[in-house]
Amino acid sequence: MKLIKVHGSENDFYMLDAKQFDRSLTESEIKKLALQICKRNGAGLGDGADGLLWVDRASHQGPLGKMRVINADGSEASMCGNGLRSVSRYLAEQNHKQSFTVETMEADLPVAKMTELAAGVPTYRVQIAPVSFQAHDLKMHVNHEAKTLIDQSIEELDSNLKFTAVAVPNPHLIAFVDEATIKGDQLGELGRYLNNGTNPIFPDGVNVSFVQIQGKNQIFVRTFERGVGYTNACGTGMSAASLVSVILHGDQIENNTDITVRNPGGMVKTDVHYQNKADDSIDLIGNATFVRTVELDLSAALDGDFSQAKFSDTGEQVSYEKFISSLAVN
């Protein structure tokens, strides 16, 4: 089988086109494959990954293809903004199209090729939707009466922080913090607690992001991702953070305009379209970098044997790292 190692802001995945197989893989095989190849520290395929992007035919007319996201721990995410950009590029190049829709677990989302952020950095725009602040969509249990959580403290977590919960459609818990806090491990402590499977607030887990406003229409986002842990970037997390920034800090972060979102893995642009209506959405614009291609036997991969895997670098990572270096200078 053939895979492509891809990333968006260093949120990395192995992308696999299901159409290459002469039979449909079972759900247990797909999960096992993700668990095996995504292991870090030399135990997985190459340097491992945050997840597996499963690309397949759309289940209905309209979309150019379908994306599923299997996290490194074998769980499945409703959506993945960084992954969707890579899948969009793959489908665009396979079908020679510039704009189209992709089927995700929650919705068919419009995507489009954009002007490169920098030389040699392929860039795509994807829509992040639907948006909901409702507790039942978040599977959130703060108390028996609360239907939403917007800029409020949660005593069980931290009385000094104020949180906002939003599903896009992945559930996210957002807090605005200072630089010292965003660099510390409080985010990890909260993330580990809220994703341990036994906490009463988010029993199904939640992505947790700390956000620092760095200037006019500029934010920094660090995320502890459900099913992954600390990640270099989370596309839906950056989108959710941008949305909440517009709502709570509209004097600094504006609606319907480009927002620069920095993250530990690089930078993306977002454009929030918020009117407190059912069709609210966020545009996420960023790199879709193909790092290398990999060929290996499916049976061996399922057994965790990667000794015969053949890797071929694309050279695109060099351009991405040059782009990141320019951000540090600026």
C-alpha atoms as a PDB file:
ATOM      1  CA  MET A   1       0.000   0.000   0.000  1.00  0.00           C
ATOM      2  CA  LYS A   2       0.985   3.634  -0.436  1.00  0.00           C
ATOM      3  CA  LEU A   3       0.691   6.369   2.176  1.00  0.00           C
ATOM      4  CA  ILE A   4       1.686  10.022   2.219  1.00  0.00           C
ATOM      5  CA  LYS A   5       3.108  11.673   5.346  1.00  0.00           C
ATOM      6  CA  VAL A   6       1.456  15.109   5.486  1.00  0.00           C
ATOM      7  CA  HIS A   7       1.079  17.979   7.906  1.00  0.00           C
ATOM      8  CA  GLY A   8      -0.684  21.258   8.522  1.00  0.00           C
ATOM      9  CA  SER A   9       1.314  23.481  10.899  1.00  0.00           C
ATOM     10  CA  GLU A  10       3.256  20.345  11.914  1.00  0.00           C
ATOM     11  CA  ASN A  11       0.048  18.595  12.988  1.00  0.00           C
ATOM     12  CA  ASP A  12       1.100  15.433  11.155  1.00  0.00           C
ATOM     13  CA  PHE A  13      -0.745  12.497   9.665  1.00  0.00           C
ATOM     14  CA  TYR A  14      -0.394   9.504   7.429  1.00  0.00           C
ATOM     15  CA  MET A  15      -2.873   9.877   4.588  1.00  0.00           C
ATOM     16  CA  LEU A  16      -4.201   6.702   3.014  1.00  0.00           C
ATOM     17  CA  ASP A  17      -6.439   6.404  -0.057  1.00  0.00           C
ATOM     18  CA  ALA A  18      -8.843   3.526   0.572  1.00  0.00           C
ATOM     19  CA  LYS A  19      -9.536   3.191  -3.167  1.00  0.00           C
ATOM     20  CA  GLN A  20      -6.149   1.504  -3.689  1.00  0.00           C
ATOM     21  CA  PHE A  21      -7.300  -1.699  -1.968  1.00  0.00           C
ATOM     22  CA  ASP A  22      -9.126  -4.509  -3.756  1.00  0.00           C
ATOM     23  CA  ARG A  23     -11.278  -5.059  -0.682  1.00  0.00           C
ATOM     24  CA  SER A  24     -12.789  -2.878   2.023  1.00  0.00           C
ATOM     25  CA  LEU A  25     -10.810  -2.867   5.251  1.00  0.00           C
ATOM     26  CA  THR A  26     -12.825  -3.649   8.353  1.00  0.00           C
ATOM     27  CA  GLU A  27     -13.297  -1.045  11.063  1.00  0.00           C
ATOM     28  CA  SER A  28     -11.041  -3.027  13.381  1.00  0.00           C
ATOM     29  CA  GLU A  29      -8.323  -3.107  10.701  1.00  0.00           C
ATOM     30  CA  ILE A  30      -8.524   0.653  10.155  1.00  0.00           C
ATOM     31  CA  LYS A  31      -8.251   1.299  13.889  1.00  0.00           C
ATOM     32  CA  LYS A  32      -5.410  -1.187  14.305  1.00  0.00           C
ATOM     33  CA  LEU A  33      -3.545   0.344  11.370  1.00  0.00           C
ATOM     34  CA  ALA A  34      -3.791   3.811  12.933  1.00  0.00           C
ATOM     35  CA  LEU A  35      -2.622   2.499  16.297  1.00  0.00           C
ATOM     36  CA  GLN A  36       0.382   0.774  14.737  1.00  0.00           C
ATOM     37  CA  ILE A  37       1.650   3.431  12.323  1.00  0.00           C
ATOM     38  CA  CYS A  38       1.081   6.465  14.567  1.00  0.00           C
ATOM     39  CA  LYS A  39       3.206   5.321  17.514  1.00  0.00           C
ATOM     40  CA  ARG A  40       5.973   7.771  18.392  1.00  0.00           C
ATOM     41  CA  ASN A  41       9.549   7.275  19.587  1.00  0.00           C
ATOM     42  CA  GLY A  42      10.529   4.801  16.884  1.00  0.00           C
ATOM     43  CA  ALA A  43       7.778   2.311  17.645  1.00  0.00           C
ATOM     44  CA  GLY A  44       5.564   3.259  14.697  1.00  0.00           C
ATOM     45  CA  LEU A  45       6.035   3.989  11.021  1.00  0.00           C
ATOM     46  CA  GLY A  46       8.952   6.412  10.654  1.00  0.00           C
ATOM     47  CA  ASP A  47       8.499   9.177  13.197  1.00  0.00           C
ATOM     48  CA  GLY A  48       4.852   8.289  13.874  1.00  0.00           C
ATOM     49  CA  ALA A  49       1.956  10.722  13.533  1.00  0.00           C
ATOM     50  CA  ASP A  50      -0.942  12.411  15.296  1.00  0.00           C
ATOM     51  CA  GLY A  51      -3.417  10.378  13.291  1.00  0.00           C
ATOM     52  CA  LEU A  52      -4.509   8.608  10.126  1.00  0.00           C
ATOM     53  CA  LEU A  53      -6.404  10.439   7.368  1.00  0.00           C
ATOM     54  CA  TRP A  54      -8.634   7.932   5.615  1.00  0.00           C
ATOM     55  CA  VAL A  55      -9.634   9.130   2.132  1.00  0.00           C
ATOM     56  CA  ASP A  56     -12.452   7.355   0.325  1.00  0.00           C
ATOM     57  CA  ARG A  57     -15.231   7.852  -2.195  1.00  0.00           C
ATOM     58  CA  ALA A  58     -18.054  10.102  -1.034  1.00  0.00           C
ATOM     59  CA  SER A  59     -21.148   8.279   0.175  1.00  0.00           C
ATOM     60  CA  HIS A  60     -23.442  10.534  -1.896  1.00  0.00           C
ATOM     61  CA  GLN A  61     -23.351  12.792  -4.935  1.00  0.00           C
ATOM     62  CA  GLY A  62     -21.677  16.191  -4.709  1.00  0.00           C
ATOM     63  CA  PRO A  63     -18.452  15.904  -2.692  1.00  0.00           C
ATOM     64  CA  LEU A  64     -15.253  14.959  -4.483  1.00  0.00           C
ATOM     65  CA  GLY A  65     -14.338  12.536  -1.708  1.00  0.00           C
ATOM     66  CA  LYS A  66     -14.768  11.622   1.950  1.00  0.00           C
ATOM     67  CA  MET A  67     -12.403  12.119   4.881  1.00  0.00           C
ATOM     68  CA  ARG A  68     -12.273  10.212   8.137  1.00  0.00           C
ATOM     69  CA  VAL A  69      -9.799  11.003  10.922  1.00  0.00           C
ATOM     70  CA  ILE A  70      -8.529   8.238  13.194  1.00  0.00           C
ATOM     71  CA  ASN A  71      -6.512   9.609  16.115  1.00  0.00           C
ATOM     72  CA  ALA A  72      -3.267   8.085  17.338  1.00  0.00           C
ATOM     73  CA  ASP A  73      -5.147   6.323  20.144  1.00  0.00           C
ATOM     74  CA  GLY A  74      -7.607   4.713  17.724  1.00  0.00           C
ATOM     75  CA  SER A  75     -10.532   7.022  18.478  1.00  0.00           C
ATOM     76  CA  GLU A  76     -12.277   8.858  15.646  1.00  0.00           C
ATOM     77  CA  ALA A  77     -12.589  12.655  15.399  1.00  0.00           C
ATOM     78  CA  SER A  78     -15.632  14.351  13.883  1.00  0.00           C
ATOM     79  CA  MET A  79     -13.416  16.750  11.961  1.00  0.00           C
ATOM     80  CA  CYS A  80      -9.821  17.887  11.532  1.00  0.00           C
ATOM     81  CA  GLY A  81      -9.063  21.245   9.955  1.00  0.00           C
ATOM     82  CA  ASN A  82      -5.359  20.650   9.404  1.00  0.00           C
ATOM     83  CA  GLY A  83      -6.030  17.202   8.005  1.00  0.00           C
ATOM     84  CA  LEU A  84      -8.798  18.468   5.743  1.00  0.00           C
ATOM     85  CA  ARG A  85      -6.366  20.847   4.033  1.00  0.00           C
ATOM     86  CA  SER A  86      -4.077  17.931   3.125  1.00  0.00           C
ATOM     87  CA  VAL A  87      -6.995  15.798   1.933  1.00  0.00           C
ATOM     88  CA  SER A  88      -8.242  18.768  -0.104  1.00  0.00           C
ATOM     89  CA  ARG A  89      -4.875  19.118  -1.804  1.00  0.00           C
ATOM     90  CA  TYR A  90      -4.753  15.398  -2.543  1.00  0.00           C
ATOM     91  CA  LEU A  91      -8.237  15.391  -4.083  1.00  0.00           C
ATOM     92  CA  ALA A  92      -7.556  18.622  -5.987  1.00  0.00           C
ATOM     93  CA  GLU A  93      -4.425  17.207  -7.597  1.00  0.00           C
ATOM     94  CA  GLN A  94      -6.024  13.828  -8.302  1.00  0.00           C
ATOM     95  CA  ASN A  95      -9.051  15.399  -9.974  1.00  0.00           C
ATOM     96  CA  HIS A  96      -7.517  18.609 -11.390  1.00  0.00           C
ATOM     97  CA  LYS A  97      -9.940  20.881  -9.543  1.00  0.00           C
ATOM     98  CA  GLN A  98      -9.380  24.134  -7.654  1.00  0.00           C
ATOM     99  CA  SER A  99     -12.514  24.216  -5.480  1.00  0.00           C
ATOM    100  CA  PHE A 100     -15.072  21.601  -4.455  1.00  0.00           C
ATOM    101  CA  THR A 101     -16.625  20.033  -1.347  1.00  0.00           C
ATOM    102  CA  VAL A 102     -15.361  17.206   0.857  1.00  0.00           C
ATOM    103  CA  GLU A 103     -17.610  14.925   2.883  1.00  0.00           C
ATOM    104  CA  THR A 104     -16.691  14.809   6.580  1.00  0.00           C
ATOM    105  CA  MET A 105     -18.390  13.008   9.441  1.00  0.00           C
ATOM    106  CA  GLU A 106     -20.649  15.993  10.206  1.00  0.00           C
ATOM    107  CA  ALA A 107     -21.039  17.966   6.976  1.00  0.00           C
ATOM    108  CA  ASP A 108     -19.981  18.479   3.367  1.00  0.00           C
ATOM    109  CA  LEU A 109     -17.490  21.342   3.537  1.00  0.00           C
ATOM    110  CA  PRO A 110     -16.276  23.688   0.777  1.00  0.00           C
ATOM    111  CA  VAL A 111     -12.518  23.800   0.184  1.00  0.00           C
ATOM    112  CA  ALA A 112     -10.301  25.658  -2.276  1.00  0.00           C
ATOM    113  CA  LYS A 113      -6.704  26.076  -3.362  1.00  0.00           C
ATOM    114  CA  MET A 114      -5.279  29.461  -2.328  1.00  0.00           C
ATOM    115  CA  THR A 115      -2.233  31.603  -3.063  1.00  0.00           C
ATOM    116  CA  GLU A 116       0.798  30.083  -1.345  1.00  0.00           C
ATOM    117  CA  LEU A 117       1.677  31.491   2.089  1.00  0.00           C
ATOM    118  CA  ALA A 118       5.305  31.332   0.962  1.00  0.00           C
ATOM    119  CA  ALA A 119       7.295  29.888  -1.931  1.00  0.00           C
ATOM    120  CA  GLY A 120       6.901  26.119  -2.061  1.00  0.00           C
ATOM    121  CA  VAL A 121       4.209  26.036   0.651  1.00  0.00           C
ATOM    122  CA  PRO A 122       0.946  24.746  -0.928  1.00  0.00           C
ATOM    123  CA  THR A 123      -1.967  26.477   0.770  1.00  0.00           C
ATOM    124  CA  TYR A 124      -5.640  25.576   1.021  1.00  0.00           C
ATOM    125  CA  ARG A 125      -8.759  27.111   2.547  1.00  0.00           C
ATOM    126  CA  VAL A 126     -11.291  24.884   4.264  1.00  0.00           C
ATOM    127  CA  GLN A 127     -14.539  25.743   5.970  1.00  0.00           C
ATOM    128  CA  ILE A 128     -14.975  24.740   9.607  1.00  0.00           C
ATOM    129  CA  ALA A 129     -18.633  24.088  10.480  1.00  0.00           C
ATOM    130  CA  PRO A 130     -21.151  23.537  11.978  1.00  0.00           C
ATOM    131  CA  VAL A 131     -20.810  25.717  15.079  1.00  0.00           C
ATOM    132  CA  SER A 132     -22.686  25.088  18.331  1.00  0.00           C
ATOM    133  CA  PHE A 133     -22.402  26.378  21.899  1.00  0.00           C
ATOM    134  CA  GLN A 134     -25.086  24.018  23.190  1.00  0.00           C
ATOM    135  CA  ALA A 135     -24.170  21.672  26.029  1.00  0.00           C
ATOM    136  CA  HIS A 136     -25.830  18.665  24.377  1.00  0.00           C
ATOM    137  CA  ASP A 137     -23.662  19.077  21.251  1.00  0.00           C
ATOM    138  CA  LEU A 138     -20.579  19.331  23.464  1.00  0.00           C
ATOM    139  CA  LYS A 139     -21.705  16.453  25.696  1.00  0.00           C
ATOM    140  CA  MET A 140     -20.910  18.847  28.527  1.00  0.00           C
ATOM    141  CA  HIS A 141     -22.180  18.580  32.097  1.00  0.00           C
ATOM    142  CA  VAL A 142     -21.160  21.703  34.035  1.00  0.00           C
ATOM    143  CA  ASN A 143     -24.367  21.670  36.054  1.00  0.00           C
ATOM    144  CA  HIS A 144     -27.966  20.625  35.536  1.00  0.00           C
ATOM    145  CA  GLU A 145     -29.155  24.038  34.370  1.00  0.00           C
ATOM    146  CA  ALA A 146     -26.379  25.378  32.133  1.00  0.00           C
ATOM    147  CA  LYS A 147     -27.101  25.094  28.421  1.00  0.00           C
ATOM    148  CA  THR A 148     -23.970  26.979  27.408  1.00  0.00           C
ATOM    149  CA  LEU A 149     -20.612  27.935  28.890  1.00  0.00           C
ATOM    150  CA  ILE A 150     -19.356  31.314  27.706  1.00  0.00           C
ATOM    151  CA  ASP A 151     -16.587  33.178  29.535  1.00  0.00           C
ATOM    152  CA  GLN A 152     -17.314  31.502  32.881  1.00  0.00           C
ATOM    153  CA  SER A 153     -15.208  29.872  35.542  1.00  0.00           C
ATOM    154  CA  ILE A 154     -15.428  26.160  36.337  1.00  0.00           C
ATOM    155  CA  GLU A 155     -14.579  25.790  40.008  1.00  0.00           C
ATOM    156  CA  GLU A 156     -13.593  22.139  39.642  1.00  0.00           C
ATOM    157  CA  LEU A 157     -10.935  23.117  37.086  1.00  0.00           C
ATOM    158  CA  ASP A 158      -9.593  26.562  37.989  1.00  0.00           C
ATOM    159  CA  SER A 159     -11.401  29.434  39.672  1.00  0.00           C
ATOM    160  CA  ASN A 160      -8.992  31.967  38.141  1.00  0.00           C
ATOM    161  CA  LEU A 161      -9.602  31.026  34.504  1.00  0.00           C
ATOM    162  CA  LYS A 162     -12.717  31.698  32.482  1.00  0.00           C
ATOM    163  CA  PHE A 163     -13.743  29.121  29.915  1.00  0.00           C
ATOM    164  CA  THR A 164     -15.864  29.062  26.786  1.00  0.00           C
ATOM    165  CA  ALA A 165     -17.059  25.782  25.282  1.00  0.00           C
ATOM    166  CA  VAL A 166     -17.901  25.434  21.597  1.00  0.00           C
ATOM    167  CA  ALA A 167     -18.286  22.575  19.128  1.00  0.00           C
ATOM    168  CA  VAL A 168     -16.976  23.115  15.581  1.00  0.00           C
ATOM    169  CA  PRO A 169     -18.071  20.225  15.428  1.00  0.00           C
ATOM    170  CA  ASN A 170     -15.274  18.762  17.628  1.00  0.00           C
ATOM    171  CA  PRO A 171     -15.797  19.941  21.228  1.00  0.00           C
ATOM    172  CA  HIS A 172     -13.400  22.635  22.435  1.00  0.00           C
ATOM    173  CA  LEU A 173     -12.793  24.356  25.766  1.00  0.00           C
ATOM    174  CA  ILE A 174     -11.122  27.753  25.344  1.00  0.00           C
ATOM    175  CA  ALA A 175      -9.415  29.997  27.924  1.00  0.00           C
ATOM    176  CA  PHE A 176      -7.491  33.260  27.439  1.00  0.00           C
ATOM    177  CA  VAL A 177      -4.218  33.338  29.358  1.00  0.00           C
ATOM    178  CA  ASP A 178      -0.938  35.224  29.647  1.00  0.00           C
ATOM    179  CA  GLU A 179       2.377  34.152  28.107  1.00  0.00           C
ATOM    180  CA  ALA A 180       3.680  32.419  31.235  1.00  0.00           C
ATOM    181  CA  THR A 181       0.545  30.305  31.520  1.00  0.00           C
ATOM    182  CA  ILE A 182       0.497  29.330  27.861  1.00  0.00           C
ATOM    183  CA  LYS A 183       4.095  28.106  28.139  1.00  0.00           C
ATOM    184  CA  GLY A 184       3.519  26.139  31.353  1.00  0.00           C
ATOM    185  CA  ASP A 185       1.929  22.730  31.857  1.00  0.00           C
ATOM    186  CA  GLN A 186      -1.431  23.796  33.281  1.00  0.00           C
ATOM    187  CA  LEU A 187      -2.901  23.160  29.829  1.00  0.00           C
ATOM    188  CA  GLY A 188      -1.578  19.607  29.961  1.00  0.00           C
ATOM    189  CA  GLU A 189      -2.900  19.079  33.459  1.00  0.00           C
ATOM    190  CA  LEU A 190      -6.389  20.200  32.419  1.00  0.00           C
ATOM    191  CA  GLY A 191      -6.235  18.255  29.163  1.00  0.00           C
ATOM    192  CA  ARG A 192      -5.192  15.034  30.839  1.00  0.00           C
ATOM    193  CA  TYR A 193      -7.896  15.354  33.490  1.00  0.00           C
ATOM    194  CA  LEU A 194     -10.648  16.190  30.991  1.00  0.00           C
ATOM    195  CA  ASN A 195      -9.713  13.267  28.757  1.00  0.00           C
ATOM    196  CA  ASN A 196      -9.220  10.552  31.355  1.00  0.00           C
ATOM    197  CA  GLY A 197     -12.634   9.016  30.715  1.00  0.00           C
ATOM    198  CA  THR A 198     -13.854   9.531  34.262  1.00  0.00           C
ATOM    199  CA  ASN A 199     -14.241  13.295  34.709  1.00  0.00           C
ATOM    200  CA  PRO A 200     -17.872  14.408  35.215  1.00  0.00           C
ATOM    201  CA  ILE A 201     -17.697  17.594  33.100  1.00  0.00           C
ATOM    202  CA  PHE A 202     -16.743  16.177  29.701  1.00  0.00           C
ATOM    203  CA  PRO A 203     -17.111  12.405  30.103  1.00  0.00           C
ATOM    204  CA  ASP A 204     -16.371  11.881  26.386  1.00  0.00           C
ATOM    205  CA  GLY A 205     -13.347  14.181  26.515  1.00  0.00           C
ATOM    206  CA  VAL A 206     -12.702  17.615  25.026  1.00  0.00           C
ATOM    207  CA  ASN A 207      -9.965  19.506  23.207  1.00  0.00           C
ATOM    208  CA  VAL A 208      -8.496  22.203  25.463  1.00  0.00           C
ATOM    209  CA  SER A 209      -6.851  25.367  24.098  1.00  0.00           C
ATOM    210  CA  PHE A 210      -5.103  28.274  25.779  1.00  0.00           C
ATOM    211  CA  VAL A 211      -5.167  31.498  23.771  1.00  0.00           C
ATOM    212  CA  GLN A 212      -2.994  34.595  24.014  1.00  0.00           C
ATOM    213  CA  ILE A 213      -3.959  37.781  22.164  1.00  0.00           C
ATOM    214  CA  GLN A 214      -0.753  39.161  20.648  1.00  0.00           C
ATOM    215  CA  GLY A 215      -2.052  42.218  18.826  1.00  0.00           C
ATOM    216  CA  LYS A 216      -4.710  43.461  16.445  1.00  0.00           C
ATOM    217  CA  ASN A 217      -6.146  40.387  14.741  1.00  0.00           C
ATOM    218  CA  GLN A 218      -3.272  38.257  16.042  1.00  0.00           C
ATOM    219  CA  ILE A 219      -3.507  35.361  18.473  1.00  0.00           C
ATOM    220  CA  PHE A 220      -1.364  32.436  19.618  1.00  0.00           C
ATOM    221  CA  VAL A 221      -3.065  29.093  20.304  1.00  0.00           C
ATOM    222  CA  ARG A 222      -1.725  26.031  22.097  1.00  0.00           C
ATOM    223  CA  THR A 223      -3.888  22.907  22.223  1.00  0.00           C
ATOM    224  CA  PHE A 224      -4.096  19.665  24.159  1.00  0.00           C
ATOM    225  CA  GLU A 225      -6.004  17.520  21.695  1.00  0.00           C
ATOM    226  CA  ARG A 226      -8.412  14.767  22.624  1.00  0.00           C
ATOM    227  CA  GLY A 227      -7.015  11.444  21.463  1.00  0.00           C
ATOM    228  CA  VAL A 228      -3.563  12.915  20.824  1.00  0.00           C
ATOM    229  CA  GLY A 229      -2.283  15.077  23.707  1.00  0.00           C
ATOM    230  CA  TYR A 230      -0.108  18.113  23.111  1.00  0.00           C
ATOM    231  CA  THR A 231      -0.089  18.855  19.387  1.00  0.00           C
ATOM    232  CA  ASN A 232       1.857  21.342  17.289  1.00  0.00           C
ATOM    233  CA  ALA A 233      -1.438  22.677  15.997  1.00  0.00           C
ATOM    234  CA  CYS A 234      -5.130  21.828  15.993  1.00  0.00           C
ATOM    235  CA  GLY A 235      -7.116  23.179  13.043  1.00  0.00           C
ATOM    236  CA  THR A 236     -10.519  23.098  14.704  1.00  0.00           C
ATOM    237  CA  GLY A 237      -8.891  24.387  17.905  1.00  0.00           C
ATOM    238  CA  MET A 238      -7.453  27.430  16.121  1.00  0.00           C
ATOM    239  CA  SER A 239     -10.811  27.976  14.424  1.00  0.00           C
ATOM    240  CA  ALA A 240     -12.700  27.728  17.713  1.00  0.00           C
ATOM    241  CA  ALA A 241     -10.196  30.059  19.391  1.00  0.00           C
ATOM    242  CA  SER A 242     -10.621  32.596  16.593  1.00  0.00           C
ATOM    243  CA  LEU A 243     -14.406  32.454  16.911  1.00  0.00           C
ATOM    244  CA  VAL A 244     -14.335  32.922  20.680  1.00  0.00           C
ATOM    245  CA  SER A 245     -11.803  35.757  20.283  1.00  0.00           C
ATOM    246  CA  VAL A 246     -14.206  37.594  17.968  1.00  0.00           C
ATOM    247  CA  ILE A 247     -17.084  37.134  20.400  1.00  0.00           C
ATOM    248  CA  LEU A 248     -15.256  38.082  23.609  1.00  0.00           C
ATOM    249  CA  HIS A 249     -12.526  40.412  22.329  1.00  0.00           C
ATOM    250  CA  GLY A 250     -14.095  42.028  19.292  1.00  0.00           C
ATOM    251  CA  ASP A 251     -12.217  45.261  19.913  1.00  0.00           C
ATOM    252  CA  GLN A 252      -8.972  43.432  19.048  1.00  0.00           C
ATOM    253  CA  ILE A 253     -10.025  40.417  16.980  1.00  0.00           C
ATOM    254  CA  GLU A 254     -12.460  41.315  14.210  1.00  0.00           C
ATOM    255  CA  ASN A 255     -15.236  39.420  12.469  1.00  0.00           C
ATOM    256  CA  ASN A 256     -15.052  38.826   8.699  1.00  0.00           C
ATOM    257  CA  THR A 257     -11.376  39.679   8.334  1.00  0.00           C
ATOM    258  CA  ASP A 258      -8.072  37.810   8.246  1.00  0.00           C
ATOM    259  CA  ILE A 259      -6.794  36.756  11.664  1.00  0.00           C
ATOM    260  CA  THR A 260      -3.200  35.615  12.033  1.00  0.00           C
ATOM    261  CA  VAL A 261      -3.065  32.532  14.247  1.00  0.00           C
ATOM    262  CA  ARG A 262       0.349  31.375  15.415  1.00  0.00           C
ATOM    263  CA  ASN A 263       0.853  27.964  16.963  1.00  0.00           C
ATOM    264  CA  PRO A 264       3.799  25.821  18.096  1.00  0.00           C
ATOM    265  CA  GLY A 265       4.063  24.384  14.576  1.00  0.00           C
ATOM    266  CA  GLY A 266       3.746  27.527  12.499  1.00  0.00           C
ATOM    267  CA  MET A 267       0.977  29.882  11.424  1.00  0.00           C
ATOM    268  CA  VAL A 268      -2.406  29.874   9.705  1.00  0.00           C
ATOM    269  CA  LYS A 269      -4.995  32.468   8.797  1.00  0.00           C
ATOM    270  CA  THR A 270      -8.620  32.335   9.873  1.00  0.00           C
ATOM    271  CA  ASP A 271     -11.678  34.332   8.872  1.00  0.00           C
ATOM    272  CA  VAL A 272     -14.624  34.155  11.260  1.00  0.00           C
ATOM    273  CA  HIS A 273     -18.167  34.555   9.952  1.00  0.00           C
ATOM    274  CA  TYR A 274     -20.253  34.957  13.106  1.00  0.00           C
ATOM    275  CA  GLN A 275     -23.813  36.272  13.346  1.00  0.00           C
ATOM    276  CA  ASN A 276     -25.077  33.913  16.070  1.00  0.00           C
ATOM    277  CA  LYS A 277     -26.955  31.954  13.404  1.00  0.00           C
ATOM    278  CA  ALA A 278     -27.124  28.342  12.304  1.00  0.00           C
ATOM    279  CA  ASP A 279     -24.830  28.933   9.322  1.00  0.00           C
ATOM    280  CA  ASP A 280     -21.948  30.484  11.301  1.00  0.00           C
ATOM    281  CA  SER A 281     -18.576  29.178  10.149  1.00  0.00           C
ATOM    282  CA  ILE A 282     -14.832  29.808  10.136  1.00  0.00           C
ATOM    283  CA  ASP A 283     -12.477  29.706   7.174  1.00  0.00           C
ATOM    284  CA  LEU A 284      -9.117  28.086   7.963  1.00  0.00           C
ATOM    285  CA  ILE A 285      -6.268  28.888   5.555  1.00  0.00           C
ATOM    286  CA  GLY A 286      -2.891  27.213   5.862  1.00  0.00           C
ATOM    287  CA  ASN A 287      -0.266  24.877   4.491  1.00  0.00           C
ATOM    288  CA  ALA A 288      -0.893  21.387   3.159  1.00  0.00           C
ATOM    289  CA  THR A 289       2.602  19.927   3.103  1.00  0.00           C
ATOM    290  CA  PHE A 290       3.377  16.483   1.692  1.00  0.00           C
ATOM    291  CA  VAL A 291       6.562  15.400   3.481  1.00  0.00           C
ATOM    292  CA  ARG A 292       7.201  11.948   2.039  1.00  0.00           C
ATOM    293  CA  THR A 293       5.584   8.944   0.416  1.00  0.00           C
ATOM    294  CA  VAL A 294       5.751   5.490   1.977  1.00  0.00           C
ATOM    295  CA  GLU A 295       5.244   2.041   0.462  1.00  0.00           C
ATOM    296  CA  LEU A 296       4.792  -1.040   2.623  1.00  0.00           C
ATOM    297  CA  ASP A 297       2.807  -4.228   2.936  1.00  0.00           C
ATOM    298  CA  LEU A 298      -0.602  -3.901   4.609  1.00  0.00           C
ATOM    299  CA  SER A 299      -0.298  -7.167   6.542  1.00  0.00           C
ATOM    300  CA  ALA A 300       3.127  -6.189   7.841  1.00  0.00           C
ATOM    301  CA  ALA A 301       1.828  -2.787   8.889  1.00  0.00           C
ATOM    302  CA  LEU A 302      -1.058  -4.363  10.804  1.00  0.00           C
ATOM    303  CA  ASP A 303       1.518  -6.508  12.612  1.00  0.00           C
ATOM    304  CA  GLY A 304       3.634  -3.445  13.410  1.00  0.00           C
ATOM    305  CA  ASP A 305       6.466  -4.575  11.128  1.00  0.00           C
ATOM    306  CA  PHE A 306       7.884  -1.603   9.229  1.00  0.00           C
ATOM    307  CA  SER A 307      11.293  -3.061   8.428  1.00  0.00           C
ATOM    308  CA  GLN A 308      10.567  -3.230   4.686  1.00  0.00           C
ATOM    309  CA  ALA A 309       8.903   0.196   4.378  1.00  0.00           C
ATOM    310  CA  LYS A 310      10.255   2.352   1.537  1.00  0.00           C
ATOM    311  CA  PHE A 311      10.377   6.112   2.178  1.00  0.00           C
ATOM    312  CA  SER A 312      10.773   8.825  -0.445  1.00  0.00           C
ATOM    313  CA  ASP A 313      11.015  12.475   0.641  1.00  0.00           C
ATOM    314  CA  THR A 314       9.266  15.119  -1.457  1.00  0.00           C
ATOM    315  CA  GLY A 315      11.557  17.999  -0.438  1.00  0.00           C
ATOM    316  CA  GLU A 316       8.575  20.152   0.573  1.00  0.00           C
ATOM    317  CA  GLN A 317       9.537  20.216   4.247  1.00  0.00           C
ATOM    318  CA  VAL A 318      12.575  22.367   3.418  1.00  0.00           C
ATOM    319  CA  SER A 319      10.303  25.087   2.006  1.00  0.00           C
ATOM    320  CA  TYR A 320       8.008  24.857   5.020  1.00  0.00           C
ATOM    321  CA  GLU A 321      10.883  25.221   7.470  1.00  0.00           C
ATOM    322  CA  LYS A 322      12.114  28.249   5.533  1.00  0.00           C
ATOM    323  CA  PHE A 323       8.629  29.724   5.907  1.00  0.00           C
ATOM    324  CA  ILE A 324       8.686  29.069   9.659  1.00  0.00           C
ATOM    325  CA  SER A 325      12.104  30.693   9.958  1.00  0.00           C
ATOM    326  CA  SER A 326      10.743  33.818   8.292  1.00  0.00           C
ATOM    327  CA  LEU A 327       7.964  33.968  10.892  1.00  0.00           C
ATOM    328  CA  ALA A 328      10.536  33.935  13.691  1.00  0.00           C
ATOM    329  CA  VAL A 329      12.338  36.866  12.099  1.00  0.00           C
ATOM    330  CA  ASN A 330       9.118  38.806  11.704  1.00  0.00           C
END
